[in-house]
């Protein structure tokens, strides 16, 4: 016989003491921590419990009795239901301040370091910035229609969205158009996902299909592309199965005008979702590294050359290293099409044993690190041996940056010169940052 679940306690009033790294208010009641959605430090709120656990409880603010000056009205009508954003109720200037505080906290707590100087935050547009996303699709019988968008906050169900304020407007303003198109397919129950990729102009939509579309289905998708300027692709299996519909293939690209570069990419390649912020990020990285005409630079986790090619415009030679052979091929092709001859690329798993890697027998003046969330700890010990004097570290996860800063500063003798945050994902708690290290 199953154990009966205890009812949740009644609503209570709380003083919000702080904010967690996930953007939730932090309070205490009867000595127990409570994490409160949609609550800000300094506020008094009425909270409804959503989960009770042994060590902490969770809840959501249902009324704000005393508001923080940082509180603003969310722009999106779906905020609080959709799980895509969790900070739209916070003024954008306060959002970036919170992210800077998060970075400072993990440097102190995890890295046992502090930068000699803080970089001004990098900030671009707050709305319609997201050019890459995976959207769920599901035909809901009880609603009698199809939904397209992100999941509800804290549930596996798709949110019932009419629009999305952070997606590029070519998609964000047309979620119902996409949902209506999927709903007209004979295989509507076999289309779980739509992936979007937007470059400077064209928008590619990749429909994941679990069953072969009929001729009528293909006509619907072709019409969608023609009516709204989309380029329609299908994915019938793994990533290798992605193909454009006849006449729908397109070359995606983004530009880095300061360096005279055009960067081509495939729809599923990793690229930064925020094009405007990416340009600012590349500029700051090069300003910090300051590559000279007689210097060699190593770009680890180089992807399709987002930093490698701009670096090659200034340095004597650049080597980019990346595990994905497809990205390496695109990086080399981008170098060729942009007329860059002083850069080369190597395919290597940077988390594996690199003892016999031939490219580690050279010497490099400076290094650019742009690792995934897992960080760059596996390669750090090589850097002093390679003669590296300056490191620019681009991070998408502050905790691993702080861990790696501990290694660089407290074990390998580098100095944390400066650090700062970048608002790559406005209205979310996601923290991107950049740090500069030097050997004395």
Protein backbone atom coordinates (compact mmCIF):
# COMPACT_ATOMS: atom_id res chain seq x y z
CA UNK A 1 0.00 0.00 0.00
CA UNK A 2 1.52 3.34 -1.05
CA UNK A 3 2.37 5.90 1.57
CA UNK A 4 -0.03 8.83 1.61
CA UNK A 5 1.62 12.12 0.71
CA UNK A 6 1.47 14.76 3.43
CA UNK A 7 -0.40 17.94 2.51
CA UNK A 8 1.69 21.04 1.96
CA UNK A 9 1.73 23.61 4.79
CA UNK A 10 -0.41 26.74 4.42
CA UNK A 11 0.84 29.95 2.80
CA UNK A 12 3.20 32.02 4.94
CA UNK A 13 4.77 35.48 4.90
CA UNK A 14 8.55 35.70 4.53
CA UNK A 15 11.35 38.25 4.45
CA UNK A 16 13.64 37.50 1.48
CA UNK A 17 17.27 37.62 2.57
CA UNK A 18 19.17 36.92 -0.63
CA UNK A 19 19.14 35.37 -4.08
CA UNK A 20 20.44 31.94 -5.08
CA UNK A 21 22.62 31.39 -8.15
CA UNK A 22 19.51 30.01 -9.86
CA UNK A 23 17.69 33.33 -9.37
CA UNK A 24 15.39 32.22 -6.52
CA UNK A 25 14.75 34.19 -3.37
CA UNK A 26 16.32 32.81 -0.18
CA UNK A 27 14.47 32.95 3.15
CA UNK A 28 14.35 31.05 6.42
CA UNK A 29 11.37 29.90 8.48
CA UNK A 30 11.73 28.10 11.80
CA UNK A 31 15.44 27.73 11.07
CA UNK A 32 14.89 26.01 7.72
CA UNK A 33 15.97 27.43 4.36
CA UNK A 34 13.26 28.10 1.78
CA UNK A 35 13.89 28.82 -1.89
CA UNK A 36 11.18 31.09 -3.28
CA UNK A 37 10.48 31.55 -6.99
CA UNK A 38 9.82 35.13 -8.21
CA UNK A 39 11.01 36.76 -4.95
CA UNK A 40 13.84 39.30 -4.62
CA UNK A 41 16.17 40.29 -1.79
CA UNK A 42 14.64 42.84 0.60
CA UNK A 43 11.08 41.91 -0.29
CA UNK A 44 8.34 40.69 1.97
CA UNK A 45 6.18 38.15 0.19
CA UNK A 46 3.36 35.74 0.78
CA UNK A 47 4.59 32.34 -0.32
CA UNK A 48 2.82 29.16 -1.34
CA UNK A 49 4.73 25.94 -0.66
CA UNK A 50 5.49 23.83 -3.72
CA UNK A 51 7.74 21.22 -2.12
CA UNK A 52 8.76 20.24 1.40
CA UNK A 53 12.02 18.36 1.95
CA UNK A 54 14.14 17.38 4.93
CA UNK A 55 16.91 19.96 4.49
CA UNK A 56 15.05 22.78 2.72
CA UNK A 57 11.66 23.74 1.35
CA UNK A 58 10.57 25.32 -1.94
CA UNK A 59 7.82 27.72 -2.79
CA UNK A 60 6.57 30.50 -5.05
CA UNK A 61 5.67 34.08 -4.22
CA UNK A 62 1.92 34.58 -4.72
CA UNK A 63 1.84 38.18 -3.47
CA UNK A 64 4.53 40.83 -3.01
CA UNK A 65 3.75 42.76 0.17
CA UNK A 66 6.86 44.99 -0.03
CA UNK A 67 8.56 45.21 -3.41
CA UNK A 68 12.25 45.58 -4.20
CA UNK A 69 13.23 48.64 -6.25
CA UNK A 70 14.76 46.14 -8.69
CA UNK A 71 11.37 44.60 -9.46
CA UNK A 72 9.79 45.33 -12.86
CA UNK A 73 6.72 44.06 -14.69
CA UNK A 74 7.62 41.05 -16.88
CA UNK A 75 7.22 41.76 -20.58
CA UNK A 76 6.15 38.23 -21.48
CA UNK A 77 2.54 37.21 -20.69
CA UNK A 78 3.76 33.65 -20.09
CA UNK A 79 6.38 34.52 -17.47
CA UNK A 80 5.98 32.33 -14.42
CA UNK A 81 4.55 29.44 -16.42
CA UNK A 82 7.16 28.99 -19.15
CA UNK A 83 10.52 27.71 -17.95
CA UNK A 84 12.52 29.58 -20.59
CA UNK A 85 13.14 32.68 -18.43
CA UNK A 86 13.29 33.15 -14.67
CA UNK A 87 14.45 36.76 -14.20
CA UNK A 88 12.05 38.85 -16.27
CA UNK A 89 10.73 40.37 -13.05
CA UNK A 90 14.17 41.87 -12.38
CA UNK A 91 15.39 45.15 -13.89
CA UNK A 92 18.07 44.34 -16.54
CA UNK A 93 20.68 46.46 -14.74
CA UNK A 94 20.00 44.51 -11.55
CA UNK A 95 20.21 41.20 -13.44
CA UNK A 96 23.76 41.92 -14.54
CA UNK A 97 24.68 43.11 -11.03
CA UNK A 98 23.36 39.83 -9.62
CA UNK A 99 25.44 37.88 -12.12
CA UNK A 100 28.56 39.84 -11.17
CA UNK A 101 27.87 39.06 -7.51
CA UNK A 102 27.51 35.37 -8.39
CA UNK A 103 30.88 35.38 -10.13
CA UNK A 104 32.56 37.19 -7.22
CA UNK A 105 31.07 34.68 -4.77
CA UNK A 106 32.34 31.58 -6.58
CA UNK A 107 35.79 33.10 -7.05
CA UNK A 108 36.03 33.62 -3.29
CA UNK A 109 34.29 30.46 -2.13
CA UNK A 110 35.52 27.91 -4.70
CA UNK A 111 38.59 29.48 -6.28
CA UNK A 112 40.03 31.23 -3.20
CA UNK A 113 40.99 34.06 -5.54
CA UNK A 114 39.84 37.55 -6.40
CA UNK A 115 40.57 39.57 -9.56
CA UNK A 116 42.79 42.61 -9.26
CA UNK A 117 40.18 44.52 -11.29
CA UNK A 118 36.61 43.97 -12.43
CA UNK A 119 35.79 44.38 -16.11
CA UNK A 120 32.71 46.41 -17.04
CA UNK A 121 29.86 43.98 -17.82
CA UNK A 122 29.22 43.24 -21.49
CA UNK A 123 25.58 43.96 -22.30
CA UNK A 124 23.67 43.95 -25.60
CA UNK A 125 19.95 43.88 -26.48
CA UNK A 126 17.62 42.29 -23.93
CA UNK A 127 14.85 41.05 -26.26
CA UNK A 128 14.70 38.91 -29.39
CA UNK A 129 18.37 38.00 -28.99
CA UNK A 130 18.22 34.20 -29.09
CA UNK A 131 19.14 32.79 -32.51
CA UNK A 132 19.58 29.12 -31.56
CA UNK A 133 17.02 27.04 -29.64
CA UNK A 134 15.29 23.66 -29.47
CA UNK A 135 11.55 23.96 -29.12
CA UNK A 136 9.27 21.16 -28.05
CA UNK A 137 6.21 20.26 -30.13
CA UNK A 138 3.22 18.24 -28.96
CA UNK A 139 -0.36 17.73 -30.06
CA UNK A 140 -2.48 17.91 -26.91
CA UNK A 141 -5.79 16.10 -27.33
CA UNK A 142 -7.44 17.77 -24.33
CA UNK A 143 -6.67 21.19 -25.78
CA UNK A 144 -7.60 20.12 -29.29
CA UNK A 145 -4.48 21.70 -30.77
CA UNK A 146 -0.72 21.57 -31.05
CA UNK A 147 1.74 23.43 -28.83
CA UNK A 148 5.23 24.61 -29.77
CA UNK A 149 7.65 26.18 -27.30
CA UNK A 150 9.50 25.57 -24.04
CA UNK A 151 8.48 23.39 -21.12
CA UNK A 152 6.54 24.73 -18.17
CA UNK A 153 8.65 25.70 -15.19
CA UNK A 154 9.21 22.63 -13.02
CA UNK A 155 7.11 20.21 -15.12
CA UNK A 156 7.70 17.99 -18.17
CA UNK A 157 4.73 19.55 -20.01
CA UNK A 158 4.97 22.08 -22.80
CA UNK A 159 3.83 25.57 -21.91
CA UNK A 160 0.89 26.93 -23.88
CA UNK A 161 2.67 29.86 -25.56
CA UNK A 162 1.51 32.40 -28.10
CA UNK A 163 4.90 34.12 -28.45
CA UNK A 164 8.39 34.26 -26.94
CA UNK A 165 10.05 37.59 -26.22
CA UNK A 166 13.66 36.32 -26.11
CA UNK A 167 13.66 34.26 -29.32
CA UNK A 168 14.59 35.96 -32.57
CA UNK A 169 11.34 37.58 -33.81
CA UNK A 170 11.29 35.41 -36.95
CA UNK A 171 10.35 32.55 -34.62
CA UNK A 172 9.39 34.18 -31.32
CA UNK A 173 6.48 36.06 -32.88
CA UNK A 174 5.26 33.03 -34.84
CA UNK A 175 4.98 30.17 -32.38
CA UNK A 176 1.30 29.77 -33.20
CA UNK A 177 2.12 29.69 -36.91
CA UNK A 178 4.53 26.81 -36.26
CA UNK A 179 2.05 25.05 -34.01
CA UNK A 180 -0.70 25.35 -36.62
CA UNK A 181 1.62 23.91 -39.30
CA UNK A 182 2.55 20.91 -37.15
CA UNK A 183 -1.12 20.40 -36.29
CA UNK A 184 -1.98 20.05 -39.99
CA UNK A 185 0.50 17.19 -40.52
CA UNK A 186 -0.65 13.58 -40.70
CA UNK A 187 2.34 12.78 -38.44
CA UNK A 188 1.63 15.55 -35.93
CA UNK A 189 2.07 13.07 -33.08
CA UNK A 190 5.48 12.12 -34.44
CA UNK A 191 7.08 15.61 -34.41
CA UNK A 192 8.55 16.10 -30.92
CA UNK A 193 10.97 18.94 -31.65
CA UNK A 194 11.75 21.91 -33.88
CA UNK A 195 15.28 23.30 -33.80
CA UNK A 196 15.90 26.84 -34.99
CA UNK A 197 19.11 28.43 -36.25
CA UNK A 198 19.32 32.03 -37.43
CA UNK A 199 22.38 33.68 -38.93
CA UNK A 200 22.58 37.22 -40.24
CA UNK A 201 19.31 36.75 -42.12
CA UNK A 202 18.05 33.26 -43.08
CA UNK A 203 16.25 31.14 -40.50
CA UNK A 204 16.53 27.35 -40.63
CA UNK A 205 13.90 25.19 -38.93
CA UNK A 206 14.77 21.53 -38.39
CA UNK A 207 11.71 19.36 -37.81
CA UNK A 208 12.50 16.17 -35.90
CA UNK A 209 10.23 13.50 -37.40
CA UNK A 210 9.75 10.03 -35.94
CA UNK A 211 7.80 8.81 -38.98
CA UNK A 212 8.12 9.55 -42.69
CA UNK A 213 6.05 12.58 -43.73
CA UNK A 214 3.49 12.12 -46.50
CA UNK A 215 3.46 14.09 -49.73
CA UNK A 216 0.74 16.30 -48.23
CA UNK A 217 2.90 16.85 -45.13
CA UNK A 218 5.83 17.93 -47.28
CA UNK A 219 3.54 20.35 -49.08
CA UNK A 220 2.52 21.90 -45.74
CA UNK A 221 6.16 22.32 -44.70
CA UNK A 222 7.18 23.72 -48.08
CA UNK A 223 4.32 26.21 -47.84
CA UNK A 224 5.44 27.23 -44.35
CA UNK A 225 8.89 27.99 -45.69
CA UNK A 226 7.58 29.95 -48.67
CA UNK A 227 5.08 31.99 -46.65
CA UNK A 228 7.45 33.04 -43.87
CA UNK A 229 10.92 32.84 -45.42
CA UNK A 230 12.01 29.76 -43.47
CA UNK A 231 14.39 27.13 -44.79
CA UNK A 232 12.90 23.78 -43.79
CA UNK A 233 15.04 20.77 -42.88
CA UNK A 234 14.00 17.31 -41.65
CA UNK A 235 15.74 15.10 -39.11
CA UNK A 236 14.60 11.49 -39.38
CA UNK A 237 17.30 9.95 -37.15
CA UNK A 238 20.57 11.16 -35.67
CA UNK A 239 22.29 14.44 -36.47
CA UNK A 240 23.76 12.91 -39.63
CA UNK A 241 20.24 12.43 -41.02
CA UNK A 242 19.45 16.17 -41.15
CA UNK A 243 18.59 17.20 -44.70
CA UNK A 244 16.89 20.23 -46.28
CA UNK A 245 13.71 19.78 -48.23
CA UNK A 246 14.23 20.20 -52.00
CA UNK A 247 15.25 23.78 -52.74
CA UNK A 248 15.42 24.69 -49.03
CA UNK A 249 19.16 24.33 -48.39
CA UNK A 250 20.94 27.52 -47.31
CA UNK A 251 24.36 28.53 -46.04
CA UNK A 252 24.09 30.15 -42.63
CA UNK A 253 26.67 32.71 -41.59
CA UNK A 254 27.36 35.52 -39.14
CA UNK A 255 29.73 38.44 -39.57
CA UNK A 256 32.47 39.87 -37.38
CA UNK A 257 32.76 43.24 -39.14
CA UNK A 258 35.62 44.60 -37.02
CA UNK A 259 37.84 41.86 -38.45
CA UNK A 260 36.36 41.65 -41.94
CA UNK A 261 35.19 38.08 -41.30
CA UNK A 262 32.20 36.05 -42.47
CA UNK A 263 31.73 32.85 -40.46
CA UNK A 264 29.76 30.06 -42.15
CA UNK A 265 28.14 27.38 -40.01
CA UNK A 266 25.77 24.43 -40.22
CA UNK A 267 22.37 24.63 -38.45
CA UNK A 268 23.37 22.27 -35.65
CA UNK A 269 26.91 23.63 -35.15
CA UNK A 270 27.66 25.24 -31.82
CA UNK A 271 27.49 29.01 -32.17
CA UNK A 272 26.73 31.67 -29.59
CA UNK A 273 23.00 32.30 -29.39
CA UNK A 274 23.39 36.06 -28.97
CA UNK A 275 25.08 37.49 -32.07
CA UNK A 276 25.36 41.08 -30.85
CA UNK A 277 26.89 40.00 -27.53
CA UNK A 278 29.21 37.57 -29.32
CA UNK A 279 30.76 40.46 -31.25
CA UNK A 280 31.37 42.36 -28.01
CA UNK A 281 32.82 39.20 -26.46
CA UNK A 282 35.30 38.65 -29.31
CA UNK A 283 36.36 42.29 -29.15
CA UNK A 284 37.00 42.13 -25.40
CA UNK A 285 38.91 38.84 -25.64
CA UNK A 286 41.26 40.28 -28.25
CA UNK A 287 41.69 43.51 -26.32
CA UNK A 288 42.65 41.51 -23.21
CA UNK A 289 44.99 39.08 -24.98
CA UNK A 290 46.45 41.88 -27.14
CA UNK A 291 48.16 39.53 -29.64
CA UNK A 292 51.22 41.05 -31.29
CA UNK A 293 52.46 40.55 -34.88
CA UNK A 294 55.38 38.40 -33.67
CA UNK A 295 53.39 36.17 -31.26
CA UNK A 296 51.93 32.68 -31.49
CA UNK A 297 48.50 32.08 -29.95
CA UNK A 298 46.80 28.80 -28.98
CA UNK A 299 42.98 28.66 -29.11
CA UNK A 300 41.71 25.65 -27.17
CA UNK A 301 38.09 24.48 -27.60
CA UNK A 302 38.11 26.63 -30.74
CA UNK A 303 34.85 25.46 -32.34
CA UNK A 304 34.49 26.83 -35.86
CA UNK A 305 37.05 29.57 -35.30
CA UNK A 306 35.00 32.27 -33.56
CA UNK A 307 38.15 33.51 -31.78
CA UNK A 308 40.85 31.83 -33.90
CA UNK A 309 40.23 33.83 -37.05
CA UNK A 310 40.04 37.26 -35.37
CA UNK A 311 43.23 36.38 -33.47
CA UNK A 312 44.92 35.46 -36.75
CA UNK A 313 44.25 38.99 -38.04
CA UNK A 314 46.69 40.27 -35.40
CA UNK A 315 49.05 37.47 -34.36
CA UNK A 316 51.92 35.86 -36.27
CA UNK A 317 50.35 32.39 -36.02
CA UNK A 318 47.32 30.78 -34.42
CA UNK A 319 46.57 27.14 -33.70
CA UNK A 320 42.98 26.14 -32.96
CA UNK A 321 42.21 22.82 -31.27
CA UNK A 322 38.76 21.22 -31.00
CA UNK A 323 37.37 17.71 -30.49
CA UNK A 324 34.62 17.89 -33.13
CA UNK A 325 36.07 17.11 -36.58
CA UNK A 326 33.07 18.72 -38.28
CA UNK A 327 33.71 22.02 -36.53
CA UNK A 328 37.40 21.79 -37.37
CA UNK A 329 36.53 21.29 -41.05
CA UNK A 330 34.26 24.36 -40.96
CA UNK A 331 36.93 26.38 -39.17
CA UNK A 332 39.50 25.53 -41.84
CA UNK A 333 37.00 26.36 -44.58
CA UNK A 334 36.21 29.69 -42.90
CA UNK A 335 39.91 30.52 -42.79
CA UNK A 336 40.26 29.75 -46.49
CA UNK A 337 37.21 31.75 -47.57
CA UNK A 338 38.41 34.73 -45.53
CA UNK A 339 41.91 34.54 -47.00
CA UNK A 340 43.63 33.74 -43.69
CA UNK A 341 46.80 31.67 -44.08
CA UNK A 342 48.47 32.01 -40.66
CA UNK A 343 46.04 29.74 -38.79
CA UNK A 344 45.81 25.97 -38.65
CA UNK A 345 43.50 23.60 -36.85
CA UNK A 346 43.91 20.26 -35.08
CA UNK A 347 41.29 17.75 -33.95
CA UNK A 348 41.93 16.54 -30.39
CA UNK A 349 39.96 15.49 -27.32
CA UNK A 350 41.20 18.03 -24.78
CA UNK A 351 39.99 15.90 -21.88
CA UNK A 352 42.12 12.90 -22.94
CA UNK A 353 45.81 12.16 -22.41
CA UNK A 354 47.66 14.69 -24.59
CA UNK A 355 51.19 13.48 -23.88
CA UNK A 356 51.87 12.51 -27.49
CA UNK A 357 50.02 15.42 -29.13
CA UNK A 358 52.51 16.91 -31.65
CA UNK A 359 51.09 20.42 -31.31
CA UNK A 360 52.14 20.45 -27.64
CA UNK A 361 55.80 20.42 -28.66
CA UNK A 362 55.61 24.05 -29.72
CA UNK A 363 55.76 27.27 -27.76
CA UNK A 364 52.91 29.77 -27.47
CA UNK A 365 52.89 33.26 -26.04
CA UNK A 366 49.19 33.46 -25.29
CA UNK A 367 46.14 31.17 -24.97
CA UNK A 368 42.42 31.57 -25.46
CA UNK A 369 40.30 29.05 -23.51
CA UNK A 370 36.60 28.67 -24.32
CA UNK A 371 35.59 25.33 -22.77
CA UNK A 372 32.13 23.83 -22.19
CA UNK A 373 30.54 23.76 -18.73
CA UNK A 374 33.00 21.11 -17.56
CA UNK A 375 35.83 23.65 -17.75
CA UNK A 376 39.47 23.43 -18.83
CA UNK A 377 41.17 21.78 -15.83
CA UNK A 378 42.50 18.91 -17.97
CA UNK A 379 44.74 21.22 -20.03
CA UNK A 380 45.84 23.81 -17.50
CA UNK A 381 49.06 22.11 -16.38
CA UNK A 382 50.33 22.18 -19.96
CA UNK A 383 50.20 25.96 -20.21
CA UNK A 384 53.32 26.89 -18.18
CA UNK A 385 55.28 24.20 -20.04
CA UNK A 386 54.29 25.79 -23.34
CA UNK A 387 55.65 29.16 -22.21
CA UNK A 388 52.22 30.77 -22.01
CA UNK A 389 52.39 34.20 -20.35
CA UNK A 390 48.79 35.36 -20.80
CA UNK A 391 45.46 33.47 -20.76
CA UNK A 392 42.01 34.73 -21.67
CA UNK A 393 39.42 32.33 -20.27
CA UNK A 394 35.85 32.53 -21.64
CA UNK A 395 33.45 30.68 -19.36
CA UNK A 396 29.83 29.54 -19.58
CA UNK A 397 29.77 28.18 -16.02
CA UNK A 398 31.20 30.22 -13.14
CA UNK A 399 31.84 27.32 -10.76
CA UNK A 400 34.27 25.57 -13.11
CA UNK A 401 35.93 28.89 -13.96
CA UNK A 402 36.49 29.45 -10.23
CA UNK A 403 37.85 25.91 -9.81
CA UNK A 404 40.23 26.43 -12.74
CA UNK A 405 41.24 29.86 -11.41
CA UNK A 406 42.26 28.15 -8.18
CA UNK A 407 44.56 25.84 -10.16
CA UNK A 408 46.01 28.60 -12.32
CA UNK A 409 46.66 31.02 -9.46
CA UNK A 410 47.33 28.89 -6.38
CA UNK A 411 49.19 26.01 -8.08
CA UNK A 412 50.59 27.23 -11.41
CA UNK A 413 51.69 30.73 -10.48
CA UNK A 414 49.43 32.86 -12.66
CA UNK A 415 47.75 36.05 -11.45
CA UNK A 416 44.04 36.79 -11.91
CA UNK A 417 44.34 40.23 -13.51
CA UNK A 418 40.70 40.94 -14.29
CA UNK A 419 37.30 39.31 -14.70
CA UNK A 420 33.74 40.26 -15.56
CA UNK A 421 30.39 38.92 -16.67
CA UNK A 422 28.69 38.93 -20.06
CA UNK A 423 24.91 39.00 -20.45
CA UNK A 424 24.70 36.32 -23.13
CA UNK A 425 21.29 35.12 -21.85
CA UNK A 426 19.29 38.11 -20.51
CA UNK A 427 16.32 37.30 -18.24
CA UNK A 428 17.88 34.00 -17.16
CA UNK A 429 20.22 33.16 -14.29
CA UNK A 430 22.80 31.79 -16.74
CA UNK A 431 26.18 33.46 -16.13
CA UNK A 432 28.81 33.84 -18.87
CA UNK A 433 32.09 35.46 -17.92
CA UNK A 434 35.62 36.24 -19.01
CA UNK A 435 38.85 36.31 -17.03
CA UNK A 436 42.43 37.32 -17.79
CA UNK A 437 45.41 35.54 -16.19
CA UNK A 438 49.09 36.45 -16.46
CA UNK A 439 52.38 35.07 -15.21
CA UNK A 440 54.34 37.65 -13.21
